[in-house]
Amino acid sequence: MTIDSLFFTIVNRGKANAVLHKAQECGAESGTILLGEGTVESKFWEKIGLAEIHKEILVVPASDELSDKLHDTISETFTFSKSNHGVAFTIPFKRWQLQASEKEEINNTSANANASHFCIVTIVDKGRSKDCIKSARAAGAKGGTLIHGRGAGIPTDFYYPLVIEPQKDIIIIITSREKVSAIKERIFSDLELGKAGNGIIFTLPISRASGLVEQRTEENKGGTA
């Protein structure tokens, strides 16, 4: 199978295996499940210590055709249109051999230009994730998903050549094109990521997303019109 993209699904803890089985029924050959935490934007839940919800992140390498099939099938099967049932998004992926003749093609990619949503990834020292989420929300983000660096076991074949050291927090934030710059700049400034050792931040284009808050809002508007 040609790997054109990475299909991500974020669901509540205990659901990822069922999603993986459905993905395999659709033709997926493999998948990787990571443990994470979602965030709840509620002062009440924060006070009683329930502001974080256990999550699982399923990563499936897929062709473009399979990715579309996964979005349609999994979103419908697991009712991603309902609140807190899960989200899915696809990040375009291509394994480049960095030959001189190919550098121009990499620089001229149209993925960023065509993307309506982006995935913001921030890697900071363990314990700074709340500061990151707070800054992101101040700039318009709805929330994020936290992955702890220790024991994540991220396959190097699937990702950019990053070395994630133990005792790190990785925060994933999905946002629209209109908000991505403001959120990224706010996190960079508040967490002083320009200083050596404070962390890194980068964005990846999303070619398709399912189950996002704004999508459910638009569907509800359409249903009441």
N, C-alpha and C. Protein backbone atom coordinates (compact mmCIF):
# COMPACT_ATOMS: atom_id res chain seq x y z
N MET A 1 0.84 -1.20 0.00
CA MET A 1 0.00 0.00 0.00
C MET A 1 0.87 1.25 0.00
N THR A 2 0.54 2.19 -0.83
CA THR A 2 1.24 3.47 -0.86
C THR A 2 0.77 4.33 0.30
N ILE A 3 1.71 4.86 1.08
CA ILE A 3 1.35 5.72 2.21
C ILE A 3 1.38 7.17 1.75
N ASP A 4 0.19 7.75 1.60
CA ASP A 4 0.07 9.15 1.20
C ASP A 4 -0.17 10.07 2.39
N SER A 5 -0.70 9.50 3.48
CA SER A 5 -1.08 10.34 4.61
C SER A 5 -1.09 9.54 5.90
N LEU A 6 -1.22 10.27 7.01
CA LEU A 6 -1.40 9.66 8.32
C LEU A 6 -2.79 10.02 8.82
N PHE A 7 -3.58 9.00 9.12
CA PHE A 7 -4.93 9.20 9.62
C PHE A 7 -4.89 9.11 11.14
N PHE A 8 -5.31 10.19 11.81
CA PHE A 8 -5.33 10.25 13.27
C PHE A 8 -6.76 10.22 13.78
N THR A 9 -6.99 9.47 14.84
CA THR A 9 -8.27 9.49 15.54
C THR A 9 -8.01 9.67 17.02
N ILE A 10 -8.72 10.60 17.64
CA ILE A 10 -8.62 10.83 19.08
C ILE A 10 -9.96 10.47 19.71
N VAL A 11 -9.96 9.46 20.56
CA VAL A 11 -11.20 8.98 21.18
C VAL A 11 -10.98 8.79 22.68
N ASN A 12 -12.07 8.57 23.40
CA ASN A 12 -11.97 8.33 24.83
C ASN A 12 -11.25 7.01 25.09
N ARG A 13 -10.57 6.92 26.24
CA ARG A 13 -9.80 5.74 26.60
C ARG A 13 -10.65 4.47 26.54
N GLY A 14 -10.14 3.45 25.89
CA GLY A 14 -10.84 2.18 25.76
C GLY A 14 -11.53 1.99 24.43
N LYS A 15 -11.58 3.05 23.58
CA LYS A 15 -12.29 2.98 22.31
C LYS A 15 -11.37 2.71 21.12
N ALA A 16 -10.07 2.93 21.30
CA ALA A 16 -9.15 2.89 20.15
C ALA A 16 -9.08 1.51 19.51
N ASN A 17 -9.14 0.45 20.30
CA ASN A 17 -9.07 -0.89 19.72
C ASN A 17 -10.25 -1.16 18.80
N ALA A 18 -11.43 -0.72 19.20
CA ALA A 18 -12.61 -0.89 18.36
C ALA A 18 -12.48 -0.09 17.07
N VAL A 19 -11.92 1.12 17.18
CA VAL A 19 -11.70 1.94 15.99
C VAL A 19 -10.69 1.29 15.07
N LEU A 20 -9.62 0.73 15.65
CA LEU A 20 -8.60 0.05 14.86
C LEU A 20 -9.19 -1.15 14.11
N HIS A 21 -10.02 -1.93 14.77
CA HIS A 21 -10.66 -3.07 14.11
C HIS A 21 -11.52 -2.63 12.94
N LYS A 22 -12.25 -1.53 13.12
CA LYS A 22 -13.07 -1.01 12.02
C LYS A 22 -12.17 -0.51 10.89
N ALA A 23 -11.06 0.12 11.24
CA ALA A 23 -10.11 0.59 10.22
C ALA A 23 -9.55 -0.58 9.42
N GLN A 24 -9.25 -1.68 10.11
CA GLN A 24 -8.73 -2.86 9.42
C GLN A 24 -9.78 -3.47 8.50
N GLU A 25 -11.06 -3.39 8.89
CA GLU A 25 -12.13 -3.85 8.01
C GLU A 25 -12.19 -3.01 6.74
N CYS A 26 -11.78 -1.76 6.85
CA CYS A 26 -11.79 -0.85 5.70
C CYS A 26 -10.56 -1.05 4.81
N GLY A 27 -9.57 -1.79 5.32
CA GLY A 27 -8.37 -2.04 4.52
C GLY A 27 -7.07 -1.59 5.13
N ALA A 28 -7.11 -1.03 6.33
CA ALA A 28 -5.87 -0.60 6.99
C ALA A 28 -5.04 -1.81 7.36
N GLU A 29 -3.74 -1.71 7.18
CA GLU A 29 -2.85 -2.82 7.48
C GLU A 29 -2.34 -2.80 8.92
N SER A 30 -2.23 -1.61 9.50
CA SER A 30 -1.69 -1.50 10.85
C SER A 30 -2.08 -0.17 11.46
N GLY A 31 -1.80 -0.04 12.74
CA GLY A 31 -2.06 1.21 13.44
C GLY A 31 -1.30 1.25 14.74
N THR A 32 -1.06 2.44 15.25
CA THR A 32 -0.36 2.63 16.51
C THR A 32 -1.26 3.40 17.47
N ILE A 33 -1.40 2.90 18.70
CA ILE A 33 -2.24 3.56 19.70
C ILE A 33 -1.35 4.22 20.75
N LEU A 34 -1.56 5.50 20.95
CA LEU A 34 -0.85 6.27 21.97
C LEU A 34 -1.83 6.70 23.05
N LEU A 35 -1.36 6.77 24.29
CA LEU A 35 -2.19 7.24 25.39
C LEU A 35 -2.03 8.74 25.56
N GLY A 36 -3.14 9.43 25.81
CA GLY A 36 -3.08 10.86 25.98
C GLY A 36 -4.16 11.36 26.91
N GLU A 37 -4.26 12.68 27.02
CA GLU A 37 -5.27 13.31 27.86
C GLU A 37 -5.89 14.47 27.09
N GLY A 38 -7.19 14.56 27.14
CA GLY A 38 -7.88 15.70 26.57
C GLY A 38 -8.10 16.73 27.66
N THR A 39 -8.51 17.94 27.28
CA THR A 39 -8.73 19.00 28.24
C THR A 39 -10.16 19.50 28.16
N VAL A 40 -10.72 19.83 29.32
CA VAL A 40 -12.08 20.34 29.41
C VAL A 40 -12.02 21.80 29.80
N GLU A 41 -12.69 22.65 29.05
CA GLU A 41 -12.69 24.09 29.34
C GLU A 41 -13.83 24.39 30.33
N SER A 42 -13.55 24.17 31.61
CA SER A 42 -14.57 24.38 32.64
C SER A 42 -13.89 24.66 33.97
N LYS A 43 -14.16 25.80 34.57
CA LYS A 43 -13.58 26.14 35.87
C LYS A 43 -14.08 25.19 36.95
N PHE A 44 -15.34 24.76 36.82
CA PHE A 44 -15.91 23.85 37.81
C PHE A 44 -15.17 22.52 37.82
N TRP A 45 -14.96 21.91 36.62
CA TRP A 45 -14.27 20.62 36.54
C TRP A 45 -12.82 20.76 36.96
N GLU A 46 -12.21 21.93 36.68
CA GLU A 46 -10.84 22.13 37.10
C GLU A 46 -10.72 22.15 38.62
N LYS A 47 -11.71 22.75 39.30
CA LYS A 47 -11.67 22.86 40.75
C LYS A 47 -11.75 21.49 41.43
N ILE A 48 -12.52 20.58 40.84
CA ILE A 48 -12.68 19.26 41.46
C ILE A 48 -11.73 18.23 40.88
N GLY A 49 -10.80 18.71 40.04
CA GLY A 49 -9.74 17.83 39.55
C GLY A 49 -10.12 16.92 38.40
N LEU A 50 -11.16 17.27 37.66
CA LEU A 50 -11.59 16.43 36.54
C LEU A 50 -11.51 17.17 35.21
N ALA A 51 -10.53 18.06 35.08
CA ALA A 51 -10.40 18.86 33.87
C ALA A 51 -9.72 18.10 32.74
N GLU A 52 -9.14 16.93 33.06
CA GLU A 52 -8.46 16.14 32.03
C GLU A 52 -9.19 14.82 31.82
N ILE A 53 -9.43 14.47 30.57
CA ILE A 53 -10.12 13.25 30.21
C ILE A 53 -9.13 12.32 29.53
N HIS A 54 -9.08 11.07 29.98
CA HIS A 54 -8.16 10.12 29.37
C HIS A 54 -8.55 9.86 27.91
N LYS A 55 -7.57 9.91 27.03
CA LYS A 55 -7.79 9.75 25.60
C LYS A 55 -6.84 8.70 25.02
N GLU A 56 -7.19 8.21 23.86
CA GLU A 56 -6.31 7.36 23.07
C GLU A 56 -6.21 7.96 21.68
N ILE A 57 -5.01 7.95 21.14
CA ILE A 57 -4.75 8.49 19.80
C ILE A 57 -4.33 7.33 18.91
N LEU A 58 -5.12 7.07 17.89
CA LEU A 58 -4.81 6.01 16.94
C LEU A 58 -4.22 6.64 15.68
N VAL A 59 -3.06 6.12 15.25
CA VAL A 59 -2.39 6.62 14.05
C VAL A 59 -2.35 5.49 13.02
N VAL A 60 -2.90 5.75 11.84
CA VAL A 60 -2.96 4.73 10.79
C VAL A 60 -2.32 5.28 9.52
N PRO A 61 -1.27 4.65 8.99
CA PRO A 61 -0.73 5.04 7.69
C PRO A 61 -1.70 4.62 6.60
N ALA A 62 -1.98 5.50 5.65
CA ALA A 62 -3.03 5.20 4.68
C ALA A 62 -2.76 5.88 3.34
N SER A 63 -3.37 5.32 2.32
CA SER A 63 -3.41 5.99 1.02
C SER A 63 -4.49 7.07 1.10
N ASP A 64 -4.51 7.98 0.15
CA ASP A 64 -5.55 9.02 0.15
C ASP A 64 -6.94 8.40 0.06
N GLU A 65 -7.07 7.36 -0.75
CA GLU A 65 -8.37 6.70 -0.92
C GLU A 65 -8.82 6.05 0.39
N LEU A 66 -7.91 5.35 1.06
CA LEU A 66 -8.24 4.71 2.32
C LEU A 66 -8.55 5.75 3.39
N SER A 67 -7.81 6.84 3.41
CA SER A 67 -8.05 7.89 4.40
C SER A 67 -9.47 8.43 4.30
N ASP A 68 -9.93 8.69 3.08
CA ASP A 68 -11.31 9.17 2.88
C ASP A 68 -12.32 8.14 3.35
N LYS A 69 -12.04 6.88 3.07
CA LYS A 69 -12.94 5.79 3.49
C LYS A 69 -12.99 5.71 5.02
N LEU A 70 -11.84 5.88 5.66
CA LEU A 70 -11.79 5.83 7.12
C LEU A 70 -12.60 6.97 7.73
N HIS A 71 -12.47 8.17 7.17
CA HIS A 71 -13.24 9.31 7.66
C HIS A 71 -14.73 9.01 7.60
N ASP A 72 -15.19 8.55 6.45
CA ASP A 72 -16.62 8.32 6.26
C ASP A 72 -17.12 7.21 7.17
N THR A 73 -16.41 6.09 7.21
CA THR A 73 -16.87 4.92 7.95
C THR A 73 -16.76 5.10 9.46
N ILE A 74 -15.62 5.55 9.93
CA ILE A 74 -15.40 5.67 11.37
C ILE A 74 -16.24 6.80 11.97
N SER A 75 -16.34 7.91 11.26
CA SER A 75 -17.15 9.02 11.76
C SER A 75 -18.61 8.61 11.92
N GLU A 76 -19.11 7.83 10.98
CA GLU A 76 -20.49 7.38 11.05
C GLU A 76 -20.67 6.30 12.11
N THR A 77 -19.76 5.32 12.14
CA THR A 77 -19.88 4.20 13.08
C THR A 77 -19.79 4.67 14.53
N PHE A 78 -18.89 5.58 14.81
CA PHE A 78 -18.67 6.03 16.18
C PHE A 78 -19.29 7.40 16.46
N THR A 79 -20.18 7.84 15.58
CA THR A 79 -20.96 9.08 15.73
C THR A 79 -20.12 10.26 16.19
N PHE A 80 -19.09 10.58 15.41
CA PHE A 80 -18.23 11.71 15.72
C PHE A 80 -18.99 13.04 15.63
N SER A 81 -20.17 13.02 15.04
CA SER A 81 -20.96 14.25 14.95
C SER A 81 -21.51 14.67 16.31
N LYS A 82 -21.49 13.73 17.30
CA LYS A 82 -21.95 14.04 18.65
C LYS A 82 -20.77 14.49 19.51
N SER A 83 -21.07 15.36 20.45
CA SER A 83 -20.04 15.93 21.32
C SER A 83 -19.31 14.85 22.11
N ASN A 84 -17.97 14.98 22.15
CA ASN A 84 -17.10 14.12 22.95
C ASN A 84 -17.09 12.66 22.50
N HIS A 85 -17.47 12.40 21.25
CA HIS A 85 -17.41 11.03 20.74
C HIS A 85 -16.11 10.76 19.99
N GLY A 86 -15.39 11.81 19.63
CA GLY A 86 -14.12 11.62 18.95
C GLY A 86 -13.93 12.57 17.79
N VAL A 87 -12.69 12.71 17.38
CA VAL A 87 -12.35 13.51 16.19
C VAL A 87 -11.36 12.72 15.36
N ALA A 88 -11.32 13.03 14.10
CA ALA A 88 -10.35 12.41 13.19
C ALA A 88 -9.79 13.47 12.27
N PHE A 89 -8.52 13.32 11.90
CA PHE A 89 -7.92 14.24 10.95
C PHE A 89 -6.81 13.54 10.20
N THR A 90 -6.56 14.02 9.00
CA THR A 90 -5.54 13.44 8.13
C THR A 90 -4.44 14.45 7.86
N ILE A 91 -3.20 14.02 8.03
CA ILE A 91 -2.04 14.85 7.72
C ILE A 91 -1.35 14.27 6.48
N PRO A 92 -1.22 15.06 5.42
CA PRO A 92 -0.53 14.57 4.21
C PRO A 92 0.88 14.13 4.56
N PHE A 93 1.30 13.04 3.96
CA PHE A 93 2.60 12.47 4.31
C PHE A 93 3.25 11.92 3.05
N LYS A 94 4.52 12.22 2.90
CA LYS A 94 5.28 11.63 1.81
C LYS A 94 6.70 11.46 2.27
N ARG A 95 7.24 10.30 2.04
CA ARG A 95 8.62 10.02 2.45
C ARG A 95 9.57 10.57 1.39
N TRP A 96 10.24 11.66 1.76
CA TRP A 96 11.13 12.32 0.81
C TRP A 96 12.55 11.83 0.99
N GLN A 97 13.24 11.65 -0.12
CA GLN A 97 14.68 11.45 -0.09
C GLN A 97 15.31 12.78 -0.43
N LEU A 98 16.05 13.32 0.50
CA LEU A 98 16.50 14.70 0.37
C LEU A 98 17.68 14.82 -0.59
N GLN A 99 17.39 14.56 -1.85
CA GLN A 99 18.38 14.78 -2.90
C GLN A 99 18.26 16.23 -3.38
N ALA A 100 19.33 16.76 -3.90
CA ALA A 100 19.34 18.16 -4.33
C ALA A 100 18.25 18.44 -5.35
N SER A 101 17.98 17.48 -6.23
CA SER A 101 16.98 17.68 -7.28
C SER A 101 15.56 17.73 -6.74
N GLU A 102 15.37 17.27 -5.49
CA GLU A 102 14.02 17.19 -4.93
C GLU A 102 13.71 18.33 -3.97
N LYS A 103 14.72 19.09 -3.59
CA LYS A 103 14.49 20.14 -2.60
C LYS A 103 13.51 21.19 -3.12
N GLU A 104 13.58 21.51 -4.38
CA GLU A 104 12.67 22.51 -4.94
C GLU A 104 11.23 22.02 -4.87
N GLU A 105 11.02 20.72 -5.12
CA GLU A 105 9.67 20.16 -5.07
C GLU A 105 9.12 20.23 -3.66
N ILE A 106 9.97 19.98 -2.65
CA ILE A 106 9.54 20.05 -1.26
C ILE A 106 9.12 21.47 -0.91
N ASN A 107 9.93 22.43 -1.31
CA ASN A 107 9.65 23.82 -0.97
C ASN A 107 8.39 24.34 -1.65
N ASN A 108 8.04 23.77 -2.79
CA ASN A 108 6.90 24.26 -3.55
C ASN A 108 5.62 23.48 -3.27
N THR A 109 5.60 22.65 -2.23
CA THR A 109 4.40 21.88 -1.96
C THR A 109 3.21 22.78 -1.70
N SER A 110 2.02 22.33 -2.16
CA SER A 110 0.81 23.14 -2.03
C SER A 110 -0.03 22.72 -0.85
N ALA A 111 0.45 21.79 -0.01
CA ALA A 111 -0.34 21.29 1.13
C ALA A 111 -0.76 22.42 2.05
N ASN A 112 0.18 23.31 2.39
CA ASN A 112 -0.15 24.41 3.29
C ASN A 112 -1.16 25.36 2.67
N ALA A 113 -1.03 25.63 1.38
CA ALA A 113 -1.91 26.58 0.71
C ALA A 113 -3.34 26.08 0.65
N ASN A 114 -3.53 24.77 0.55
CA ASN A 114 -4.87 24.22 0.38
C ASN A 114 -5.54 23.82 1.69
N ALA A 115 -4.81 23.79 2.78
CA ALA A 115 -5.35 23.30 4.04
C ALA A 115 -6.29 24.31 4.68
N SER A 116 -7.45 23.84 5.15
CA SER A 116 -8.39 24.69 5.87
C SER A 116 -8.17 24.59 7.38
N HIS A 117 -7.51 23.51 7.83
CA HIS A 117 -7.19 23.31 9.24
C HIS A 117 -5.73 22.90 9.38
N PHE A 118 -5.20 23.15 10.57
CA PHE A 118 -3.81 22.80 10.84
C PHE A 118 -3.70 22.12 12.20
N CYS A 119 -2.66 21.32 12.34
CA CYS A 119 -2.33 20.67 13.60
C CYS A 119 -1.10 21.38 14.18
N ILE A 120 -1.28 21.99 15.34
CA ILE A 120 -0.17 22.65 16.02
C ILE A 120 0.41 21.68 17.05
N VAL A 121 1.69 21.40 16.95
CA VAL A 121 2.35 20.48 17.87
C VAL A 121 3.38 21.27 18.69
N THR A 122 3.24 21.20 20.00
CA THR A 122 4.18 21.87 20.90
C THR A 122 4.81 20.83 21.82
N ILE A 123 6.13 20.86 21.95
CA ILE A 123 6.85 19.92 22.82
C ILE A 123 7.58 20.74 23.87
N VAL A 124 7.20 20.54 25.14
CA VAL A 124 7.78 21.30 26.23
C VAL A 124 8.12 20.36 27.39
N ASP A 125 8.79 20.88 28.41
CA ASP A 125 9.10 20.07 29.58
C ASP A 125 7.81 19.64 30.28
N LYS A 126 7.86 18.47 30.88
CA LYS A 126 6.70 17.94 31.58
C LYS A 126 6.21 18.93 32.65
N GLY A 127 4.90 19.16 32.66
CA GLY A 127 4.32 20.09 33.62
C GLY A 127 3.95 21.43 33.03
N ARG A 128 4.44 21.72 31.79
CA ARG A 128 4.14 23.01 31.17
C ARG A 128 2.97 22.93 30.20
N SER A 129 2.33 21.78 30.11
CA SER A 129 1.23 21.62 29.16
C SER A 129 0.05 22.53 29.50
N LYS A 130 -0.24 22.72 30.79
CA LYS A 130 -1.36 23.57 31.17
C LYS A 130 -1.13 25.01 30.74
N ASP A 131 0.12 25.48 30.87
CA ASP A 131 0.45 26.83 30.42
C ASP A 131 0.24 26.94 28.91
N CYS A 132 0.60 25.88 28.18
CA CYS A 132 0.44 25.87 26.73
C CYS A 132 -1.03 25.94 26.34
N ILE A 133 -1.86 25.11 26.99
CA ILE A 133 -3.29 25.09 26.70
C ILE A 133 -3.93 26.43 27.06
N LYS A 134 -3.51 27.01 28.19
CA LYS A 134 -4.04 28.30 28.62
C LYS A 134 -3.75 29.38 27.58
N SER A 135 -2.53 29.41 27.07
CA SER A 135 -2.16 30.39 26.06
C SER A 135 -2.91 30.16 24.76
N ALA A 136 -3.07 28.88 24.39
CA ALA A 136 -3.78 28.55 23.15
C ALA A 136 -5.23 28.99 23.23
N ARG A 137 -5.87 28.76 24.37
CA ARG A 137 -7.27 29.17 24.53
C ARG A 137 -7.42 30.68 24.49
N ALA A 138 -6.44 31.38 25.06
CA ALA A 138 -6.49 32.84 25.04
C ALA A 138 -6.43 33.38 23.62
N ALA A 139 -5.86 32.58 22.71
CA ALA A 139 -5.75 33.01 21.31
C ALA A 139 -6.86 32.42 20.44
N GLY A 140 -7.80 31.68 21.05
CA GLY A 140 -8.94 31.19 20.29
C GLY A 140 -9.07 29.70 20.13
N ALA A 141 -8.14 28.90 20.68
CA ALA A 141 -8.23 27.45 20.56
C ALA A 141 -9.32 26.91 21.47
N LYS A 142 -9.94 25.81 21.06
CA LYS A 142 -10.99 25.17 21.87
C LYS A 142 -10.40 24.26 22.96
N GLY A 143 -9.21 23.77 22.75
CA GLY A 143 -8.58 22.85 23.69
C GLY A 143 -7.48 22.10 22.99
N GLY A 144 -7.06 20.99 23.56
CA GLY A 144 -5.97 20.23 22.96
C GLY A 144 -5.89 18.84 23.55
N THR A 145 -4.97 18.06 23.02
CA THR A 145 -4.72 16.70 23.52
C THR A 145 -3.27 16.60 23.94
N LEU A 146 -3.05 16.05 25.12
CA LEU A 146 -1.70 15.95 25.68
C LEU A 146 -1.20 14.51 25.59
N ILE A 147 0.04 14.36 25.13
CA ILE A 147 0.73 13.07 25.13
C ILE A 147 1.99 13.23 25.94
N HIS A 148 2.21 12.33 26.90
CA HIS A 148 3.44 12.38 27.69
C HIS A 148 4.57 11.70 26.92
N GLY A 149 5.72 12.35 26.88
CA GLY A 149 6.84 11.85 26.12
C GLY A 149 7.37 10.50 26.58
N ARG A 150 7.36 10.23 27.86
CA ARG A 150 7.91 8.98 28.37
C ARG A 150 7.01 7.81 27.97
N GLY A 151 7.59 6.83 27.33
CA GLY A 151 6.86 5.62 26.98
C GLY A 151 5.92 5.75 25.81
N ALA A 152 5.99 6.87 25.06
CA ALA A 152 5.06 7.04 23.95
C ALA A 152 5.35 6.05 22.84
N GLY A 153 6.64 5.71 22.61
CA GLY A 153 7.00 4.73 21.60
C GLY A 153 6.58 5.12 20.21
N ILE A 154 6.82 6.36 19.80
CA ILE A 154 6.39 6.82 18.49
C ILE A 154 7.28 6.20 17.40
N PRO A 155 6.70 5.50 16.41
CA PRO A 155 7.50 4.87 15.35
C PRO A 155 8.19 5.92 14.48
N THR A 156 9.50 5.78 14.31
CA THR A 156 10.24 6.78 13.55
C THR A 156 9.86 6.77 12.08
N ASP A 157 9.33 5.67 11.54
CA ASP A 157 8.94 5.63 10.15
C ASP A 157 7.76 6.53 9.85
N PHE A 158 7.01 6.90 10.89
CA PHE A 158 5.76 7.60 10.67
C PHE A 158 5.88 9.12 10.80
N TYR A 159 6.97 9.60 11.37
CA TYR A 159 7.03 11.00 11.71
C TYR A 159 8.28 11.68 11.17
N TYR A 160 8.24 12.98 11.27
CA TYR A 160 9.42 13.75 10.92
C TYR A 160 10.56 13.37 11.87
N PRO A 161 11.80 13.59 11.48
CA PRO A 161 12.94 13.12 12.30
C PRO A 161 13.13 13.95 13.56
N LEU A 162 12.22 13.76 14.53
CA LEU A 162 12.31 14.44 15.80
C LEU A 162 12.71 13.46 16.89
N VAL A 163 13.58 13.87 17.78
CA VAL A 163 13.93 13.05 18.93
C VAL A 163 13.18 13.61 20.15
N ILE A 164 12.21 12.86 20.66
CA ILE A 164 11.43 13.30 21.80
C ILE A 164 12.00 12.66 23.05
N GLU A 165 12.59 13.46 23.93
CA GLU A 165 13.24 12.94 25.12
C GLU A 165 12.21 12.65 26.21
N PRO A 166 12.55 11.78 27.18
CA PRO A 166 11.65 11.52 28.30
C PRO A 166 11.35 12.80 29.07
N GLN A 167 10.26 12.74 29.86
CA GLN A 167 9.83 13.88 30.67
C GLN A 167 9.45 15.09 29.83
N LYS A 168 8.81 14.83 28.72
CA LYS A 168 8.32 15.90 27.87
C LYS A 168 6.81 15.78 27.72
N ASP A 169 6.15 16.91 27.52
CA ASP A 169 4.73 16.94 27.19
C ASP A 169 4.58 17.36 25.73
N ILE A 170 3.80 16.59 24.98
CA ILE A 170 3.50 16.92 23.59
C ILE A 170 2.04 17.31 23.50
N ILE A 171 1.77 18.53 23.09
CA ILE A 171 0.40 19.04 23.03
C ILE A 171 -0.02 19.18 21.57
N ILE A 172 -1.14 18.54 21.23
CA ILE A 172 -1.68 18.59 19.88
C ILE A 172 -2.93 19.46 19.88
N ILE A 173 -2.95 20.47 19.03
CA ILE A 173 -4.09 21.37 18.93
C ILE A 173 -4.54 21.44 17.47
N ILE A 174 -5.81 21.17 17.22
CA ILE A 174 -6.37 21.27 15.88
C ILE A 174 -7.14 22.57 15.78
N THR A 175 -6.85 23.36 14.78
CA THR A 175 -7.51 24.65 14.65
C THR A 175 -7.68 25.04 13.20
N SER A 176 -8.52 26.03 12.97
CA SER A 176 -8.78 26.49 11.61
C SER A 176 -7.63 27.34 11.09
N ARG A 177 -7.61 27.51 9.80
CA ARG A 177 -6.55 28.30 9.15
C ARG A 177 -6.52 29.73 9.68
N GLU A 178 -7.70 30.29 9.98
CA GLU A 178 -7.79 31.68 10.42
C GLU A 178 -7.15 31.90 11.79
N LYS A 179 -7.10 30.86 12.62
CA LYS A 179 -6.61 31.02 13.99
C LYS A 179 -5.19 30.49 14.20
N VAL A 180 -4.68 29.73 13.25
CA VAL A 180 -3.43 29.01 13.51
C VAL A 180 -2.26 29.95 13.82
N SER A 181 -2.12 31.05 13.11
CA SER A 181 -0.99 31.95 13.34
C SER A 181 -1.06 32.60 14.72
N ALA A 182 -2.27 33.06 15.10
CA ALA A 182 -2.43 33.72 16.40
C ALA A 182 -2.14 32.76 17.54
N ILE A 183 -2.61 31.52 17.43
CA ILE A 183 -2.40 30.54 18.49
C ILE A 183 -0.92 30.18 18.61
N LYS A 184 -0.30 29.93 17.46
CA LYS A 184 1.12 29.57 17.46
C LYS A 184 1.97 30.70 18.04
N GLU A 185 1.70 31.93 17.64
CA GLU A 185 2.49 33.06 18.12
C GLU A 185 2.28 33.29 19.62
N ARG A 186 1.04 33.09 20.10
CA ARG A 186 0.76 33.29 21.52
C ARG A 186 1.50 32.25 22.37
N ILE A 187 1.48 30.99 21.94
CA ILE A 187 2.20 29.94 22.66
C ILE A 187 3.70 30.22 22.65
N PHE A 188 4.22 30.58 21.49
CA PHE A 188 5.65 30.85 21.34
C PHE A 188 6.09 31.98 22.28
N SER A 189 5.26 33.02 22.36
CA SER A 189 5.59 34.17 23.20
C SER A 189 5.45 33.86 24.68
N ASP A 190 4.30 33.31 25.10
CA ASP A 190 4.03 33.08 26.52
C ASP A 190 4.98 32.06 27.13
N LEU A 191 5.31 31.02 26.38
CA LEU A 191 6.18 29.97 26.90
C LEU A 191 7.65 30.23 26.60
N GLU A 192 7.93 31.37 25.97
CA GLU A 192 9.31 31.80 25.66
C GLU A 192 10.07 30.70 24.93
N LEU A 193 9.46 30.18 23.88
CA LEU A 193 10.08 29.09 23.14
C LEU A 193 11.27 29.54 22.31
N GLY A 194 11.48 30.84 22.23
CA GLY A 194 12.66 31.34 21.53
C GLY A 194 13.94 31.13 22.32
N LYS A 195 13.81 30.84 23.61
CA LYS A 195 14.98 30.58 24.45
C LYS A 195 15.36 29.11 24.36
N ALA A 196 16.66 28.85 24.29
CA ALA A 196 17.15 27.48 24.16
C ALA A 196 16.67 26.59 25.30
N GLY A 197 16.17 25.42 24.95
CA GLY A 197 15.76 24.44 25.94
C GLY A 197 14.34 24.57 26.45
N ASN A 198 13.63 25.63 26.01
CA ASN A 198 12.27 25.84 26.51
C ASN A 198 11.23 25.03 25.75
N GLY A 199 11.59 24.52 24.58
CA GLY A 199 10.64 23.72 23.81
C GLY A 199 10.62 24.11 22.35
N ILE A 200 9.81 23.39 21.58
CA ILE A 200 9.67 23.69 20.16
C ILE A 200 8.19 23.66 19.79
N ILE A 201 7.86 24.31 18.70
CA ILE A 201 6.49 24.33 18.20
C ILE A 201 6.54 24.29 16.67
N PHE A 202 5.63 23.52 16.07
CA PHE A 202 5.55 23.48 14.61
C PHE A 202 4.13 23.14 14.19
N THR A 203 3.79 23.41 12.96
CA THR A 203 2.45 23.14 12.46
C THR A 203 2.50 22.19 11.27
N LEU A 204 1.44 21.40 11.13
CA LEU A 204 1.30 20.47 10.02
C LEU A 204 -0.07 20.70 9.37
N PRO A 205 -0.13 20.69 8.05
CA PRO A 205 -1.42 20.90 7.38
C PRO A 205 -2.32 19.68 7.52
N ILE A 206 -3.62 19.91 7.59
CA ILE A 206 -4.60 18.84 7.65
C ILE A 206 -5.41 18.85 6.36
N SER A 207 -5.46 17.72 5.69
CA SER A 207 -6.18 17.65 4.42
C SER A 207 -7.68 17.38 4.61
N ARG A 208 -8.05 16.75 5.76
CA ARG A 208 -9.46 16.51 6.05
C ARG A 208 -9.62 16.29 7.54
N ALA A 209 -10.76 16.74 8.10
CA ALA A 209 -11.03 16.56 9.52
C ALA A 209 -12.50 16.18 9.71
N SER A 210 -12.77 15.41 10.78
CA SER A 210 -14.12 15.00 11.12
C SER A 210 -14.33 15.14 12.62
N GLY A 211 -15.53 15.56 13.02
CA GLY A 211 -15.88 15.64 14.43
C GLY A 211 -15.44 16.88 15.16
N LEU A 212 -14.96 17.90 14.45
CA LEU A 212 -14.52 19.13 15.11
C LEU A 212 -15.72 19.91 15.62
N VAL A 213 -15.51 20.73 16.66
CA VAL A 213 -16.59 21.48 17.29
C VAL A 213 -17.30 22.37 16.26
N GLU A 214 -16.52 23.06 15.43
CA GLU A 214 -17.15 23.96 14.47
C GLU A 214 -17.96 23.21 13.42
N GLN A 215 -17.58 21.98 13.13
CA GLN A 215 -18.36 21.18 12.19
C GLN A 215 -19.70 20.78 12.78
N ARG A 216 -19.71 20.42 14.05
CA ARG A 216 -20.97 20.08 14.70
C ARG A 216 -21.86 21.29 14.80
N THR A 217 -21.26 22.47 15.04
CA THR A 217 -22.04 23.70 15.12
C THR A 217 -22.73 24.00 13.80
N GLU A 218 -21.98 23.84 12.70
CA GLU A 218 -22.55 24.09 11.38
C GLU A 218 -23.67 23.10 11.07
N GLU A 219 -23.50 21.83 11.47
CA GLU A 219 -24.52 20.83 11.23
C GLU A 219 -25.80 21.15 12.01
N ASN A 220 -25.63 21.63 13.25
CA ASN A 220 -26.78 21.98 14.06
C ASN A 220 -27.53 23.17 13.48
N LYS A 221 -26.77 24.13 12.94
CA LYS A 221 -27.41 25.27 12.31
C LYS A 221 -28.22 24.84 11.10
N GLY A 222 -27.63 23.90 10.35
CA GLY A 222 -28.32 23.41 9.16
C GLY A 222 -29.58 22.66 9.51
N GLY A 223 -29.56 21.97 10.66
CA GLY A 223 -30.72 21.18 11.05
C GLY A 223 -31.85 22.01 11.58
N THR A 224 -31.55 23.21 12.06
CA THR A 224 -32.61 24.06 12.65
C THR A 224 -33.07 25.13 11.71
N ALA A 225 -32.45 25.21 10.55
CA ALA A 225 -32.83 26.28 9.61
C ALA A 225 -34.19 26.00 9.00
